[in-house]
Structure formats: C-alpha cells, structure tokens
Protein backbone atom coordinates (compact mmCIF):
# COMPACT_ATOMS: atom_id res chain seq x y z
CA PRO A 1 -9.77 47.53 1.22
CA THR A 2 -8.60 47.14 4.83
CA PRO A 3 -5.58 45.35 6.30
CA ASP A 4 -6.06 41.61 6.85
CA GLN A 5 -7.29 41.05 10.43
CA THR A 6 -6.36 37.34 10.54
CA ALA A 7 -4.42 36.41 13.67
CA ILE A 8 -2.84 33.25 15.02
CA GLU A 9 -2.75 32.52 18.74
CA ILE A 10 -0.15 30.05 20.00
CA ALA A 11 -0.21 28.41 23.41
CA THR A 12 2.70 26.51 24.91
CA ALA A 13 2.73 23.83 27.60
CA ASP A 14 5.34 23.22 30.26
CA ALA A 15 5.08 19.44 29.87
CA VAL A 16 3.73 16.84 27.43
CA GLU A 17 2.53 13.26 27.81
CA ARG A 18 5.25 11.95 25.48
CA PRO A 19 8.08 13.98 23.96
CA ALA A 20 8.07 13.69 20.17
CA SER A 21 10.37 14.10 17.22
CA GLY A 22 9.01 15.24 13.87
CA PHE A 23 11.32 15.16 10.87
CA LEU A 24 11.39 14.98 7.09
CA PHE A 25 13.38 12.21 5.47
CA THR A 26 14.41 10.93 2.06
CA ASN A 27 17.28 9.07 0.47
CA PRO A 28 20.27 11.45 0.78
CA ALA A 29 21.50 10.13 -2.57
CA PHE A 30 18.39 11.56 -4.25
CA LEU A 31 19.63 15.09 -3.48
CA ARG A 32 22.89 14.67 -5.37
CA PRO A 33 23.10 15.64 -9.05
CA GLY A 34 21.81 12.69 -11.06
CA GLY A 35 20.73 10.88 -7.91
CA MET A 36 17.02 10.71 -8.80
CA PRO A 37 16.85 10.79 -12.63
CA ILE A 38 13.44 11.07 -14.31
CA PRO A 39 14.13 10.81 -18.07
CA ALA A 40 12.23 12.97 -20.54
CA GLY A 41 9.30 11.07 -22.02
CA ASP A 42 9.34 8.29 -19.42
CA PRO A 43 5.70 7.55 -18.42
CA ASP A 44 6.66 5.40 -15.43
CA ALA A 45 9.92 6.48 -13.79
CA ARG A 46 10.42 4.86 -10.38
CA HIS A 47 12.80 5.26 -7.46
CA LYS A 48 12.84 3.66 -4.02
CA PHE A 49 15.14 3.07 -1.07
CA GLU A 50 15.12 1.41 2.34
CA VAL A 51 16.46 2.63 5.66
CA PRO A 52 16.79 0.71 8.97
CA ALA A 53 14.52 2.02 11.73
CA SER A 54 17.54 2.08 14.04
CA VAL A 55 19.23 4.65 11.78
CA LEU A 56 16.21 6.97 11.98
CA ALA A 57 16.22 6.66 15.76
CA LEU A 58 19.96 7.35 15.88
CA LEU A 59 19.67 10.48 13.73
CA PHE A 60 16.39 11.95 14.96
CA GLY A 61 15.36 10.17 18.16
CA ALA A 62 16.89 12.48 20.78
CA PRO A 63 13.93 14.92 21.07
CA ALA A 64 11.64 11.91 21.62
CA GLN A 65 14.08 10.29 24.06
CA VAL A 66 14.48 7.36 21.65
CA LYS A 67 17.83 5.57 21.17
CA SER A 68 18.88 3.48 18.18
CA SER A 69 18.31 0.28 20.19
CA ASP A 70 14.82 1.32 21.39
CA ASN A 71 11.36 0.53 20.09
CA TRP A 72 9.37 3.59 19.01
CA SER A 73 5.96 4.56 17.67
CA ILE A 74 4.97 6.25 14.41
CA HIS A 75 1.79 8.34 14.39
CA THR A 76 1.36 9.80 10.90
CA GLY A 77 1.73 9.12 7.20
CA PHE A 78 3.01 11.76 4.80
CA LEU A 79 4.33 12.00 1.22
CA HIS A 80 5.59 14.95 -0.77
CA MET A 81 6.19 15.03 -4.53
CA HIS A 82 5.52 17.56 -7.28
CA THR A 83 3.30 17.77 -10.38
CA LEU A 84 4.73 14.85 -12.40
CA ALA A 85 4.21 12.36 -9.58
CA LYS A 86 1.90 9.35 -10.02
CA THR A 87 2.15 7.23 -6.89
CA GLY A 88 3.94 7.08 -3.55
CA ARG A 89 4.15 4.61 -0.71
CA LEU A 90 5.82 4.25 2.69
CA THR A 91 6.04 0.69 4.02
CA LEU A 92 7.27 -0.75 7.32
CA ILE A 93 9.11 -4.05 6.72
CA ARG A 94 9.64 -6.49 9.57
CA PRO A 95 12.55 -8.98 9.77
CA ASP A 96 10.31 -11.89 8.74
CA GLY A 97 9.36 -10.05 5.53
CA THR A 98 5.90 -8.96 6.68
CA GLU A 99 5.06 -5.54 5.25
CA GLN A 100 2.75 -2.97 6.82
CA VAL A 101 1.80 -0.04 4.59
CA ILE A 102 1.89 3.28 6.46
CA ILE A 103 0.59 5.41 3.56
CA ASP A 104 -0.18 4.49 -0.04
CA VAL A 105 -1.23 7.17 -2.55
CA ARG A 106 -2.31 5.50 -5.80
CA ASP A 107 -3.31 8.66 -7.68
CA TRP A 108 -1.09 11.54 -6.63
CA ASP A 109 -2.45 15.07 -6.86
CA PHE A 110 -0.06 17.91 -6.01
CA ASP A 111 -2.97 20.07 -4.81
CA TRP A 112 -4.36 17.43 -2.44
CA GLN A 113 -1.31 16.34 -0.48
CA SER A 114 -1.73 16.11 3.27
CA THR A 115 -0.44 14.57 6.48
CA TYR A 116 -2.61 11.68 7.64
CA ALA A 117 -2.98 10.74 11.29
CA LEU A 118 -2.96 6.96 11.65
CA GLU A 119 -6.06 5.51 13.28
CA ARG A 120 -3.74 3.53 15.57
CA GLU A 121 -0.09 4.30 16.24
CA VAL A 122 2.29 1.65 14.92
CA LEU A 123 5.12 0.05 16.89
CA VAL A 124 8.55 0.19 15.21
CA ARG A 125 11.43 -2.04 16.33
CA PRO A 126 15.16 -1.44 15.70
CA THR A 127 15.28 -4.48 13.41
CA ASP A 128 12.52 -3.09 11.15
CA ARG A 129 13.13 -1.17 7.94
CA PHE A 130 11.20 1.51 6.06
CA ARG A 131 10.82 1.55 2.30
CA LEU A 132 9.96 4.79 0.49
CA GLU A 133 8.98 4.50 -3.18
CA CYS A 134 7.71 7.03 -5.72
CA SER A 135 6.78 7.02 -9.39
CA TRP A 136 6.40 9.80 -11.97
CA ASP A 137 4.84 10.31 -15.39
CA ASN A 138 7.19 12.44 -17.49
CA SER A 139 5.46 11.69 -20.80
CA ALA A 140 4.49 14.37 -23.29
CA ALA A 141 0.81 14.07 -22.34
CA ASN A 142 1.50 14.82 -18.67
CA GLN A 143 3.40 18.09 -19.10
CA PRO A 144 2.09 21.39 -17.69
CA ILE A 145 0.50 24.03 -19.91
CA ILE A 146 2.22 27.43 -19.74
CA ASN A 147 0.66 30.45 -21.48
CA GLY A 148 -1.68 28.14 -23.34
CA VAL A 149 1.07 25.88 -24.67
CA GLN A 150 1.94 22.43 -23.32
CA ILE A 151 5.69 22.30 -22.79
CA ALA A 152 7.87 19.46 -24.12
CA PRO A 153 9.16 16.78 -21.74
CA ARG A 154 12.58 17.45 -20.23
CA TYR A 155 14.97 15.59 -17.98
CA VAL A 156 13.94 16.10 -14.32
CA GLU A 157 15.59 15.28 -11.02
CA TRP A 158 15.45 16.43 -7.38
CA GLY A 159 14.96 20.17 -6.99
CA GLU A 160 13.18 22.92 -5.06
CA ASN A 161 11.13 24.28 -7.97
CA THR A 162 7.67 22.91 -8.73
CA GLY A 163 8.97 21.87 -12.15
CA ASP A 164 11.57 19.71 -10.41
CA GLU A 165 10.62 16.66 -8.36
CA MET A 166 10.93 15.19 -4.87
CA CYS A 167 10.24 11.93 -3.05
CA LEU A 168 9.93 12.81 0.61
CA THR A 169 8.26 11.47 3.73
CA ASN A 170 7.76 12.70 7.29
CA PHE A 171 7.93 10.85 10.60
CA PHE A 172 6.27 11.77 13.90
CA MET A 173 8.07 9.64 16.49
CA THR A 174 7.46 9.01 20.20
CA ARG A 175 8.38 6.35 22.69
CA PRO A 176 5.78 3.52 22.83
CA LYS A 177 2.82 3.98 25.13
CA GLU A 178 2.73 1.59 28.07
CA GLY A 179 -0.21 -0.83 27.95
CA TYR A 180 -1.15 0.14 24.38
CA ASP A 181 -2.30 -2.63 22.00
CA TYR A 182 0.26 -2.65 19.20
CA SER A 183 -1.00 -5.83 17.55
CA TYR A 184 -1.85 -5.72 13.86
CA GLN A 185 -3.85 -7.78 11.38
CA ALA A 186 -3.57 -8.86 7.79
CA SER A 187 -5.88 -7.37 5.16
CA VAL A 188 -6.66 -7.70 1.47
CA HIS A 189 -8.13 -5.19 -0.98
CA ILE A 190 -9.45 -5.99 -4.46
CA GLU A 191 -8.11 -3.26 -6.73
CA ALA A 192 -9.39 -4.96 -9.91
CA PRO A 193 -11.93 -5.80 -11.15
CA THR A 194 -13.89 -2.72 -10.17
CA TYR A 195 -17.50 -2.69 -8.99
CA ARG A 196 -19.90 -3.95 -11.70
CA GLN A 197 -17.20 -4.17 -14.33
CA ARG A 198 -18.63 -6.05 -17.31
CA TYR A 199 -17.45 -9.44 -18.62
CA ALA A 200 -18.69 -12.29 -20.82
CA PRO A 201 -19.09 -16.00 -19.90
CA GLY A 202 -15.73 -17.77 -20.14
CA ASP A 203 -13.72 -14.55 -19.79
CA LEU A 204 -10.48 -14.40 -17.85
CA VAL A 205 -11.05 -11.82 -15.12
CA PRO A 206 -7.77 -10.10 -14.07
CA LEU A 207 -7.63 -9.99 -10.27
CA LYS A 208 -5.30 -7.35 -8.83
CA LEU A 209 -4.98 -7.56 -5.07
CA VAL A 210 -3.31 -5.35 -2.47
CA PHE A 211 -2.14 -7.09 0.71
CA ASN A 212 -1.15 -5.53 4.01
CA ASN A 213 0.64 -7.41 6.80
CA PHE A 214 0.43 -10.57 4.70
CA SER A 215 3.16 -12.36 2.71
CA LEU A 216 2.20 -14.75 -0.08
CA HIS A 217 3.65 -18.27 -0.11
CA GLU A 218 2.65 -21.40 -1.96
CA PRO A 219 0.47 -23.74 0.13
CA GLY A 220 2.64 -26.09 2.14
CA GLU A 221 5.72 -23.87 1.87
CA HIS A 222 5.38 -22.96 5.54
CA GLY A 223 3.81 -25.37 8.02
CA ASP A 224 1.89 -28.58 7.36
CA GLU A 225 -0.97 -28.82 4.90
CA HIS A 226 -4.34 -30.07 6.04
CA GLU A 227 -7.48 -30.94 4.18
CA ASP A 228 -9.32 -27.92 2.88
CA HIS A 229 -12.31 -27.52 5.19
CA GLY A 230 -14.00 -24.96 7.39
CA ASP A 231 -13.19 -26.56 10.74
CA ASP A 232 -10.33 -24.91 12.55
CA VAL A 233 -7.95 -27.26 14.35
CA HIS A 234 -6.11 -24.27 15.81
CA GLY A 235 -9.02 -22.98 17.84
CA GLY A 236 -9.96 -20.07 15.61
CA ASP A 237 -7.20 -17.64 16.65
CA HIS A 238 -5.29 -16.57 13.55
CA SER A 239 -4.33 -13.12 14.80
CA GLY A 240 -0.64 -14.03 14.52
CA VAL A 241 -0.78 -15.48 10.99
CA TYR A 242 0.82 -13.11 8.49
CA GLU A 243 1.66 -15.41 5.59
CA GLY A 244 -0.15 -17.85 3.35
CA HIS A 245 -2.20 -17.78 0.15
CA TYR A 246 -5.79 -17.05 -0.86
CA HIS A 247 -8.88 -18.77 -2.28
CA VAL A 248 -11.17 -17.29 -4.91
CA TYR A 249 -14.89 -18.12 -4.83
CA LEU A 250 -17.65 -17.26 -7.27
CA ASP A 251 -21.14 -16.57 -5.88
CA ASN A 252 -20.49 -18.65 -2.78
CA ASN A 253 -19.96 -17.89 0.92
CA ASP A 254 -19.27 -21.55 1.75
CA ASP A 255 -15.54 -21.99 2.39
CA SER A 256 -15.75 -25.68 1.46
CA ALA A 257 -17.18 -24.88 -2.00
CA GLU A 258 -15.28 -25.15 -5.27
CA HIS A 259 -12.62 -22.47 -5.56
CA ALA A 260 -9.33 -21.43 -7.14
CA THR A 261 -6.14 -21.30 -5.06
CA ALA A 262 -3.52 -18.64 -5.77
CA TRP A 263 -0.47 -17.03 -4.21
CA ASP A 264 0.29 -14.04 -6.39
CA SER A 265 -0.97 -10.47 -6.14
CA SER A 266 -2.07 -10.64 -9.80
CA PHE A 267 -4.16 -13.59 -10.93
CA PHE A 268 -6.48 -14.44 -13.86
CA TYR A 269 -9.75 -16.02 -12.75
CA GLN A 270 -11.70 -17.75 -15.52
CA LEU A 271 -15.48 -17.44 -15.49
CA PRO A 272 -17.48 -20.58 -16.38
CA GLU A 273 -18.56 -20.82 -20.03
CA ASP A 274 -22.17 -21.42 -18.96
CA LEU A 275 -22.32 -18.58 -16.41
CA ALA A 276 -25.72 -16.90 -16.50
CA ALA A 277 -26.04 -13.24 -17.37
CA GLY A 278 -26.44 -10.83 -14.49
CA ARG A 279 -24.54 -9.79 -11.40
CA HIS A 280 -22.02 -12.13 -9.79
CA THR A 281 -19.76 -11.89 -6.74
CA ILE A 282 -16.08 -12.77 -6.64
CA ARG A 283 -14.83 -13.38 -3.08
CA VAL A 284 -11.19 -13.52 -2.00
CA SER A 285 -10.43 -15.28 1.31
CA LEU A 286 -7.00 -15.22 2.99
CA ARG A 287 -5.64 -18.60 4.11
CA GLY A 288 -2.79 -19.80 6.27
CA ALA A 289 -0.30 -22.39 5.03
CA ASP A 290 -2.67 -25.16 6.20
CA HIS A 291 -5.56 -23.75 4.07
CA HIS A 292 -7.61 -22.64 7.08
CA ALA A 293 -9.53 -19.41 6.66
CA LEU A 294 -8.15 -16.44 8.59
CA GLY A 295 -11.54 -14.71 8.62
CA ILE A 296 -10.11 -11.96 6.41
CA GLU A 297 -11.70 -11.50 3.02
CA GLU A 298 -13.11 -9.04 0.50
CA SER A 299 -15.54 -9.36 -2.40
CA VAL A 300 -16.49 -7.43 -5.51
CA GLU A 301 -19.60 -7.55 -7.67
CA ILE A 302 -19.21 -7.83 -11.46
CA GLU A 303 -21.69 -8.01 -14.34
CA VAL A 304 -21.81 -10.74 -16.99
CA GLY A 305 -23.42 -10.14 -20.38
CA ASP A 306 -25.82 -12.40 -22.27
CA GLU A 307 -23.39 -13.52 -24.94
CA PRO A 308 -19.67 -14.34 -25.03
CA ALA A 309 -17.48 -11.85 -26.84
CA ALA A 310 -17.62 -12.19 -30.65
CA GLU A 311 -13.85 -12.53 -30.76
CA ALA A 312 -11.76 -13.62 -27.80
CA LEU A 313 -8.02 -14.07 -27.50
CA ALA A 314 -7.10 -17.02 -25.33
CA LEU A 315 -4.37 -16.16 -22.83
CA THR A 316 -3.87 -19.78 -21.69
C-alpha cells in the first residue's frame, strides 16, 4: 500500500462573463420540529411550498448582481432527499398560472441524485413563483435492512442523518443574457399507458398525461370556439398559446378525424368493441381554446388481444 496520489488542481479567473449566485433552498418551516412530518407507515407522505421569485432574489441575488425587482435566469435543476423519498419536483409558476417544470424526478433513488444543467437557461420574473414538492414512502415494505433485519417504520421528519429526511433544491442564478431567446413552448408526455401495454376490445384505457407550459381549460372557456378543422385562421403561429385542451385519436394522423376531447390530466379512453387484434396507436394532440392544433402531440403504441376480457367491470 502507498499513499493516495490523487490531486485536485484549481484555477481561478479574474473576471467572469456573468456573476452568479448558487444557493440551497427549502421551506424554512420544514426545519422546525414537526415542520415536515412523515408518519410511520404512511406510503405516500407529501409536503410542498411556494416562494416568490422576488424573495429568492432579495435573499440571494447580491453575488449575481440581481435585485428583488429584476428578472434573472436559472441554469440548473437539483433535488435532495434521503432513502424514503419517492418523487420530487421543482416548478416555475407564472402569474397567468402557466407552469414550467424545472426538474421532475418520478422515481427517486438516493444513490443517483445529481445536479442537472438545463438545455436552455430559463428566464425568471419577479412576479413568478417556485413550487417545491416532495413525497416519501414510509411504509413497512420500504424500510432499510440493518444487520439482516428490516426495521419497523418510525415517525420521520427533517434531519441531517440518512435515516431522517429532507426536501431541498438548489438554484444557480445569473442576470439574463442580452439577446438570448427566452421563449418557451408547451409539451405533453404520455405517462400511461406504457408502450405495447395490452388491452381488450371495448376496454377503458387510462390515459395519464404530463403537461409542461400548458394549462388545461374546457373548450370555449378562453377565447371563441371555431369549427374543429385543420385549417388555421391564425396563420399557424401558436408559439404563445399556453392553455387549452387536447384531442385523442386512435390509429389516425388526420386532425379532422373522429376523436375524443378532454381537459384533464387523467382520462379514460374507451376502445371500440369491434377493434381488431394487433397493435394500435393512441395520439394526443394539444389544442387551443378554438380547437386548432398547436402542432404539439405525442403518441403511444398499445396491443389489443383477440378476445374481450372474460369478466369486465364497467366504470361508466
């Protein structure tokens, strides 16, 4: 054995392109005794809080030369929790209710946490808010094994030990970059059904959708309704449309074809009773209040068996 020869070399610069401020942040109330309770045996404990962007700039903006009344940019996404954690999310909320997800971890793993550099920096305004939310599984089945024995669930709250828990995020803040394109777009992701999940003719397929930069409203709730067709009376530019509903199509890329209209992130889509066995495609298309396609969509392929289920429970 010889001494470890690993070395770290650090270089400093006299100036930077944009001064920055990097800081950890959470709800201060979480740190107080009883401020973030996770009851023993609870499989889905949840806590969340919101903070105005202006408050973050007031508290931490000085190194980045950002004041509470200034716009600023965020460059990274980060979450920190411990071993009982399930999910975590940091969301930027604009005054009109539009939500942009900065980071969303759906299956937390304590050994795989990291800081993620955003592909494009995001503009933050003083009137925006950030929402941090975390969930934990404190059930008996999710307890650690110590010396070959799985321990019993116990009450958990904020603490420094790995057996305690946290709900923490990190910000890397700078002033906005002059001439940078800070525009953003809506998006949709089909979380369920999964690829080639199997169903029978006539089944109700549970759609679970994740939206970003898009608020759901019933058709006609905002703006005037028009006939449902593919022609675009607005000239095709929907880059500034961040609210509306969606259409669901089966095996069809024609926007004027038969479809279901929905405005909820969870929706049951019923397959036709006479649907042939084989692979089929469900397509979700985002729409503005006037039903015009925004050009933003996602699809998933499912499989349908030869025969309907022997016993089916009608949900409607």
